[in-house]
Amino acid sequence: MTCTDSNIKIISPFLQGIAGCFDIAAFFDDIIFPVPKEANPLARDWQAVSSDYNNSLKFIHEEFNAAKKKP
């Protein structure tokens, strides 16, 4: 089943917040939004960036030390 076949629409939390600001008649209060699968996806992204950064520093350090050991 593709997302076009289902009746369930997933709305991002950002759009939920924007819709809540303009929801004067409380139309969206009856709608149950799905819970995000991750607690903090931004933290996971920064952990991946940190891991990549640390791996690149390790690689550079190994290459630099290998050049010193050759003579």
PDB file of N, CA and C in Angstrom:
ATOM      1  N   MET A   1       0.847  -1.174   0.000  1.00  0.00           N
ATOM      2  CA  MET A   1       0.000   0.000   0.000  1.00  0.00           C
ATOM      3  C   MET A   1       0.890   1.234   0.000  1.00  0.00           C
ATOM      4  N   THR A   2       0.634   2.134  -0.865  1.00  0.00           N
ATOM      5  CA  THR A   2       1.410   3.368  -0.908  1.00  0.00           C
ATOM      6  C   THR A   2       0.717   4.446  -0.100  1.00  0.00           C
ATOM      7  N   CYS A   3       1.419   5.534   0.109  1.00  0.00           N
ATOM      8  CA  CYS A   3       0.843   6.604   0.908  1.00  0.00           C
ATOM      9  C   CYS A   3      -0.339   7.265   0.201  1.00  0.00           C
ATOM     10  N   THR A   4      -0.417   7.159  -1.119  1.00  0.00           N
ATOM     11  CA  THR A   4      -1.559   7.747  -1.825  1.00  0.00           C
ATOM     12  C   THR A   4      -2.810   6.887  -1.699  1.00  0.00           C
ATOM     13  N   ASP A   5      -2.636   5.594  -1.358  1.00  0.00           N
ATOM     14  CA  ASP A   5      -3.781   4.699  -1.214  1.00  0.00           C
ATOM     15  C   ASP A   5      -4.429   4.798   0.161  1.00  0.00           C
ATOM     16  N   SER A   6      -3.699   5.258   1.148  1.00  0.00           N
ATOM     17  CA  SER A   6      -4.236   5.268   2.509  1.00  0.00           C
ATOM     18  C   SER A   6      -4.943   6.591   2.801  1.00  0.00           C
ATOM     19  N   ASN A   7      -5.764   6.556   3.822  1.00  0.00           N
ATOM     20  CA  ASN A   7      -6.471   7.756   4.258  1.00  0.00           C
ATOM     21  C   ASN A   7      -5.730   8.472   5.378  1.00  0.00           C
ATOM     22  N   ILE A   8      -4.668   7.867   5.870  1.00  0.00           N
ATOM     23  CA  ILE A   8      -3.908   8.456   6.966  1.00  0.00           C
ATOM     24  C   ILE A   8      -2.895   9.433   6.389  1.00  0.00           C
ATOM     25  N   LYS A   9      -2.930  10.634   6.867  1.00  0.00           N
ATOM     26  CA  LYS A   9      -1.987  11.653   6.432  1.00  0.00           C
ATOM     27  C   LYS A   9      -1.081  12.000   7.611  1.00  0.00           C
ATOM     28  N   ILE A  10       0.218  11.975   7.399  1.00  0.00           N
ATOM     29  CA  ILE A  10       1.172  12.286   8.450  1.00  0.00           C
ATOM     30  C   ILE A  10       1.568  13.751   8.306  1.00  0.00           C
ATOM     31  N   ILE A  11       1.415  14.498   9.387  1.00  0.00           N
ATOM     32  CA  ILE A  11       1.721  15.919   9.391  1.00  0.00           C
ATOM     33  C   ILE A  11       2.906  16.146  10.324  1.00  0.00           C
ATOM     34  N   SER A  12       3.847  16.950   9.890  1.00  0.00           N
ATOM     35  CA  SER A  12       5.024  17.210  10.713  1.00  0.00           C
ATOM     36  C   SER A  12       4.637  18.051  11.930  1.00  0.00           C
ATOM     37  N   PRO A  13       5.409  17.946  13.010  1.00  0.00           N
ATOM     38  CA  PRO A  13       5.122  18.750  14.200  1.00  0.00           C
ATOM     39  C   PRO A  13       5.178  20.255  13.918  1.00  0.00           C
ATOM     40  N   PHE A  14       6.043  20.675  13.003  1.00  0.00           N
ATOM     41  CA  PHE A  14       6.112  22.087  12.651  1.00  0.00           C
ATOM     42  C   PHE A  14       4.789  22.563  12.059  1.00  0.00           C
ATOM     43  N   LEU A  15       4.252  21.767  11.126  1.00  0.00           N
ATOM     44  CA  LEU A  15       2.971  22.139  10.523  1.00  0.00           C
ATOM     45  C   LEU A  15       1.835  22.074  11.536  1.00  0.00           C
ATOM     46  N   GLN A  16       1.923  21.165  12.496  1.00  0.00           N
ATOM     47  CA  GLN A  16       0.920  21.103  13.559  1.00  0.00           C
ATOM     48  C   GLN A  16       0.926  22.397  14.362  1.00  0.00           C
ATOM     49  N   GLY A  17       2.134  22.895  14.652  1.00  0.00           N
ATOM     50  CA  GLY A  17       2.243  24.135  15.411  1.00  0.00           C
ATOM     51  C   GLY A  17       1.708  25.326  14.655  1.00  0.00           C
ATOM     52  N   ILE A  18       2.018  25.409  13.366  1.00  0.00           N
ATOM     53  CA  ILE A  18       1.507  26.500  12.540  1.00  0.00           C
ATOM     54  C   ILE A  18      -0.012  26.423  12.446  1.00  0.00           C
ATOM     55  N   ALA A  19      -0.537  25.219  12.232  1.00  0.00           N
ATOM     56  CA  ALA A  19      -1.986  25.053  12.146  1.00  0.00           C
ATOM     57  C   ALA A  19      -2.651  25.427  13.469  1.00  0.00           C
ATOM     58  N   GLY A  20      -1.993  25.119  14.598  1.00  0.00           N
ATOM     59  CA  GLY A  20      -2.547  25.464  15.908  1.00  0.00           C
ATOM     60  C   GLY A  20      -2.617  26.963  16.134  1.00  0.00           C
ATOM     61  N   CYS A  21      -1.680  27.695  15.556  1.00  0.00           N
ATOM     62  CA  CYS A  21      -1.690  29.158  15.707  1.00  0.00           C
ATOM     63  C   CYS A  21      -2.888  29.790  14.999  1.00  0.00           C
ATOM     64  N   PHE A  22      -3.300  29.209  13.883  1.00  0.00           N
ATOM     65  CA  PHE A  22      -4.394  29.773  13.107  1.00  0.00           C
ATOM     66  C   PHE A  22      -5.713  29.036  13.310  1.00  0.00           C
ATOM     67  N   ASP A  23      -5.754  28.157  14.295  1.00  0.00           N
ATOM     68  CA  ASP A  23      -6.953  27.356  14.554  1.00  0.00           C
ATOM     69  C   ASP A  23      -7.855  28.093  15.546  1.00  0.00           C
ATOM     70  N   ILE A  24      -8.572  29.084  15.067  1.00  0.00           N
ATOM     71  CA  ILE A  24      -9.407  29.919  15.935  1.00  0.00           C
ATOM     72  C   ILE A  24     -10.623  29.148  16.427  1.00  0.00           C
ATOM     73  N   ALA A  25     -11.226  28.343  15.584  1.00  0.00           N
ATOM     74  CA  ALA A  25     -12.449  27.623  15.939  1.00  0.00           C
ATOM     75  C   ALA A  25     -12.165  26.276  16.589  1.00  0.00           C
ATOM     76  N   ALA A  26     -10.924  25.956  16.908  1.00  0.00           N
ATOM     77  CA  ALA A  26     -10.526  24.685  17.527  1.00  0.00           C
ATOM     78  C   ALA A  26     -10.930  23.496  16.667  1.00  0.00           C
ATOM     79  N   PHE A  27     -10.797  23.651  15.367  1.00  0.00           N
ATOM     80  CA  PHE A  27     -11.152  22.585  14.426  1.00  0.00           C
ATOM     81  C   PHE A  27     -10.214  21.398  14.550  1.00  0.00           C
ATOM     82  N   PHE A  28      -8.924  21.642  14.819  1.00  0.00           N
ATOM     83  CA  PHE A  28      -7.942  20.575  14.862  1.00  0.00           C
ATOM     84  C   PHE A  28      -7.845  19.870  16.219  1.00  0.00           C
ATOM     85  N   ASP A  29      -8.622  20.284  17.201  1.00  0.00           N
ATOM     86  CA  ASP A  29      -8.541  19.662  18.522  1.00  0.00           C
ATOM     87  C   ASP A  29      -9.036  18.218  18.518  1.00  0.00           C
ATOM     88  N   ASP A  30      -9.933  17.862  17.616  1.00  0.00           N
ATOM     89  CA  ASP A  30     -10.483  16.510  17.570  1.00  0.00           C
ATOM     90  C   ASP A  30      -9.605  15.544  16.784  1.00  0.00           C
ATOM     91  N   ILE A  31      -8.632  16.056  16.067  1.00  0.00           N
ATOM     92  CA  ILE A  31      -7.770  15.214  15.249  1.00  0.00           C
ATOM     93  C   ILE A  31      -6.624  14.675  16.106  1.00  0.00           C
ATOM     94  N   ILE A  32      -6.401  13.373  16.041  1.00  0.00           N
ATOM     95  CA  ILE A  32      -5.304  12.743  16.770  1.00  0.00           C
ATOM     96  C   ILE A  32      -4.128  12.611  15.820  1.00  0.00           C
ATOM     97  N   PHE A  33      -3.036  13.267  16.170  1.00  0.00           N
ATOM     98  CA  PHE A  33      -1.844  13.219  15.345  1.00  0.00           C
ATOM     99  C   PHE A  33      -0.988  12.028  15.750  1.00  0.00           C
ATOM    100  N   PRO A  34      -0.314  11.387  14.795  1.00  0.00           N
ATOM    101  CA  PRO A  34       0.540  10.237  15.142  1.00  0.00           C
ATOM    102  C   PRO A  34       1.755  10.678  15.951  1.00  0.00           C
ATOM    103  N   VAL A  35       2.175   9.816  16.858  1.00  0.00           N
ATOM    104  CA  VAL A  35       3.332  10.091  17.691  1.00  0.00           C
ATOM    105  C   VAL A  35       4.600   9.849  16.873  1.00  0.00           C
ATOM    106  N   PRO A  36       5.562  10.767  16.939  1.00  0.00           N
ATOM    107  CA  PRO A  36       6.806  10.534  16.197  1.00  0.00           C
ATOM    108  C   PRO A  36       7.505   9.269  16.683  1.00  0.00           C
ATOM    109  N   LYS A  37       8.199   8.569  15.769  1.00  0.00           N
ATOM    110  CA  LYS A  37       8.867   7.320  16.124  1.00  0.00           C
ATOM    111  C   LYS A  37      10.095   7.563  16.984  1.00  0.00           C
ATOM    112  N   GLU A  38      10.721   8.709  16.829  1.00  0.00           N
ATOM    113  CA  GLU A  38      11.926   9.026  17.591  1.00  0.00           C
ATOM    114  C   GLU A  38      11.607  10.107  18.607  1.00  0.00           C
ATOM    115  N   ALA A  39      12.285  10.048  19.744  1.00  0.00           N
ATOM    116  CA  ALA A  39      12.075  11.060  20.763  1.00  0.00           C
ATOM    117  C   ALA A  39      12.685  12.390  20.343  1.00  0.00           C
ATOM    118  N   ASN A  40      13.886  12.336  19.762  1.00  0.00           N
ATOM    119  CA  ASN A  40      14.559  13.564  19.376  1.00  0.00           C
ATOM    120  C   ASN A  40      15.395  13.316  18.110  1.00  0.00           C
ATOM    121  N   PRO A  41      14.781  13.468  16.937  1.00  0.00           N
ATOM    122  CA  PRO A  41      15.534  13.187  15.712  1.00  0.00           C
ATOM    123  C   PRO A  41      16.681  14.163  15.471  1.00  0.00           C
ATOM    124  N   LEU A  42      16.574  15.383  15.965  1.00  0.00           N
ATOM    125  CA  LEU A  42      17.650  16.351  15.784  1.00  0.00           C
ATOM    126  C   LEU A  42      18.894  15.923  16.551  1.00  0.00           C
ATOM    127  N   ALA A  43      18.723  15.378  17.736  1.00  0.00           N
ATOM    128  CA  ALA A  43      19.859  14.885  18.519  1.00  0.00           C
ATOM    129  C   ALA A  43      20.534  13.718  17.805  1.00  0.00           C
ATOM    130  N   ARG A  44      19.754  12.854  17.178  1.00  0.00           N
ATOM    131  CA  ARG A  44      20.314  11.730  16.427  1.00  0.00           C
ATOM    132  C   ARG A  44      21.140  12.235  15.242  1.00  0.00           C
ATOM    133  N   ASP A  45      20.657  13.278  14.579  1.00  0.00           N
ATOM    134  CA  ASP A  45      21.409  13.852  13.463  1.00  0.00           C
ATOM    135  C   ASP A  45      22.737  14.431  13.928  1.00  0.00           C
ATOM    136  N   TRP A  46      22.727  15.144  15.045  1.00  0.00           N
ATOM    137  CA  TRP A  46      23.966  15.736  15.553  1.00  0.00           C
ATOM    138  C   TRP A  46      24.929  14.651  16.029  1.00  0.00           C
ATOM    139  N   GLN A  47      24.415  13.550  16.554  1.00  0.00           N
ATOM    140  CA  GLN A  47      25.288  12.439  16.944  1.00  0.00           C
ATOM    141  C   GLN A  47      25.954  11.831  15.715  1.00  0.00           C
ATOM    142  N   ALA A  48      25.232  11.745  14.609  1.00  0.00           N
ATOM    143  CA  ALA A  48      25.811  11.227  13.370  1.00  0.00           C
ATOM    144  C   ALA A  48      26.890  12.169  12.843  1.00  0.00           C
ATOM    145  N   VAL A  49      26.648  13.476  12.923  1.00  0.00           N
ATOM    146  CA  VAL A  49      27.652  14.451  12.494  1.00  0.00           C
ATOM    147  C   VAL A  49      28.892  14.349  13.376  1.00  0.00           C
ATOM    148  N   SER A  50      28.698  14.224  14.670  1.00  0.00           N
ATOM    149  CA  SER A  50      29.819  14.090  15.603  1.00  0.00           C
ATOM    150  C   SER A  50      30.617  12.822  15.319  1.00  0.00           C
ATOM    151  N   SER A  51      29.931  11.741  15.043  1.00  0.00           N
ATOM    152  CA  SER A  51      30.606  10.485  14.735  1.00  0.00           C
ATOM    153  C   SER A  51      31.437  10.612  13.453  1.00  0.00           C
ATOM    154  N   ASP A  52      30.873  11.235  12.431  1.00  0.00           N
ATOM    155  CA  ASP A  52      31.611  11.448  11.179  1.00  0.00           C
ATOM    156  C   ASP A  52      32.830  12.329  11.407  1.00  0.00           C
ATOM    157  N   TYR A  53      32.672  13.365  12.205  1.00  0.00           N
ATOM    158  CA  TYR A  53      33.778  14.275  12.505  1.00  0.00           C
ATOM    159  C   TYR A  53      34.898  13.538  13.246  1.00  0.00           C
ATOM    160  N   ASN A  54      34.531  12.754  14.239  1.00  0.00           N
ATOM    161  CA  ASN A  54      35.538  12.006  15.006  1.00  0.00           C
ATOM    162  C   ASN A  54      36.246  10.966  14.134  1.00  0.00           C
ATOM    163  N   ASN A  55      35.499  10.313  13.249  1.00  0.00           N
ATOM    164  CA  ASN A  55      36.115   9.337  12.346  1.00  0.00           C
ATOM    165  C   ASN A  55      37.092  10.008  11.390  1.00  0.00           C
ATOM    166  N   SER A  56      36.749  11.187  10.899  1.00  0.00           N
ATOM    167  CA  SER A  56      37.655  11.884   9.985  1.00  0.00           C
ATOM    168  C   SER A  56      38.906  12.355  10.719  1.00  0.00           C
ATOM    169  N   LEU A  57      38.766  12.810  11.965  1.00  0.00           N
ATOM    170  CA  LEU A  57      39.946  13.198  12.747  1.00  0.00           C
ATOM    171  C   LEU A  57      40.848  11.995  13.007  1.00  0.00           C
ATOM    172  N   LYS A  58      40.246  10.844  13.286  1.00  0.00           N
ATOM    173  CA  LYS A  58      41.021   9.627  13.507  1.00  0.00           C
ATOM    174  C   LYS A  58      41.786   9.239  12.242  1.00  0.00           C
ATOM    175  N   PHE A  59      41.123   9.321  11.096  1.00  0.00           N
ATOM    176  CA  PHE A  59      41.755   8.992   9.819  1.00  0.00           C
ATOM    177  C   PHE A  59      42.915   9.942   9.525  1.00  0.00           C
ATOM    178  N   ILE A  60      42.718  11.236   9.743  1.00  0.00           N
ATOM    179  CA  ILE A  60      43.777  12.226   9.515  1.00  0.00           C
ATOM    180  C   ILE A  60      44.951  11.974  10.454  1.00  0.00           C
ATOM    181  N   HIS A  61      44.653  11.665  11.699  1.00  0.00           N
ATOM    182  CA  HIS A  61      45.705  11.396  12.680  1.00  0.00           C
ATOM    183  C   HIS A  61      46.527  10.164  12.266  1.00  0.00           C
ATOM    184  N   GLU A  62      45.865   9.110  11.812  1.00  0.00           N
ATOM    185  CA  GLU A  62      46.563   7.908  11.369  1.00  0.00           C
ATOM    186  C   GLU A  62      47.441   8.192  10.146  1.00  0.00           C
ATOM    187  N   GLU A  63      46.922   8.973   9.207  1.00  0.00           N
ATOM    188  CA  GLU A  63      47.703   9.317   8.018  1.00  0.00           C
ATOM    189  C   GLU A  63      48.908  10.183   8.383  1.00  0.00           C
ATOM    190  N   PHE A  64      48.715  11.104   9.288  1.00  0.00           N
ATOM    191  CA  PHE A  64      49.807  11.990   9.701  1.00  0.00           C
ATOM    192  C   PHE A  64      50.901  11.202  10.414  1.00  0.00           C
ATOM    193  N   ASN A  65      50.520  10.288  11.275  1.00  0.00           N
ATOM    194  CA  ASN A  65      51.499   9.472  11.999  1.00  0.00           C
ATOM    195  C   ASN A  65      52.180   8.464  11.077  1.00  0.00           C
ATOM    196  N   ALA A  66      51.508   7.977  10.068  1.00  0.00           N
ATOM    197  CA  ALA A  66      52.113   7.053   9.108  1.00  0.00           C
ATOM    198  C   ALA A  66      53.193   7.758   8.303  1.00  0.00           C
ATOM    199  N   ALA A  67      52.995   9.010   7.997  1.00  0.00           N
ATOM    200  CA  ALA A  67      54.009   9.782   7.244  1.00  0.00           C
ATOM    201  C   ALA A  67      55.248  10.025   8.095  1.00  0.00           C
ATOM    202  N   LYS A  68      55.082  10.178   9.389  1.00  0.00           N
ATOM    203  CA  LYS A  68      56.219  10.393  10.294  1.00  0.00           C
ATOM    204  C   LYS A  68      57.030   9.125  10.500  1.00  0.00           C
ATOM    205  N   LYS A  69      56.389   7.963  10.469  1.00  0.00           N
ATOM    206  CA  LYS A  69      57.067   6.707  10.771  1.00  0.00           C
ATOM    207  C   LYS A  69      57.901   6.167   9.605  1.00  0.00           C
ATOM    208  N   LYS A  70      57.655   6.593   8.371  1.00  0.00           N
ATOM    209  CA  LYS A  70      58.340   6.057   7.193  1.00  0.00           C
ATOM    210  C   LYS A  70      59.842   6.320   7.171  1.00  0.00           C
ATOM    211  N   PRO A  71      60.362   7.515   7.507  1.00  0.00           N
ATOM    212  CA  PRO A  71      61.822   7.738   7.404  1.00  0.00           C
ATOM    213  C   PRO A  71      62.637   6.977   8.392  1.00  0.00           C
TER     214      PRO A  71
END
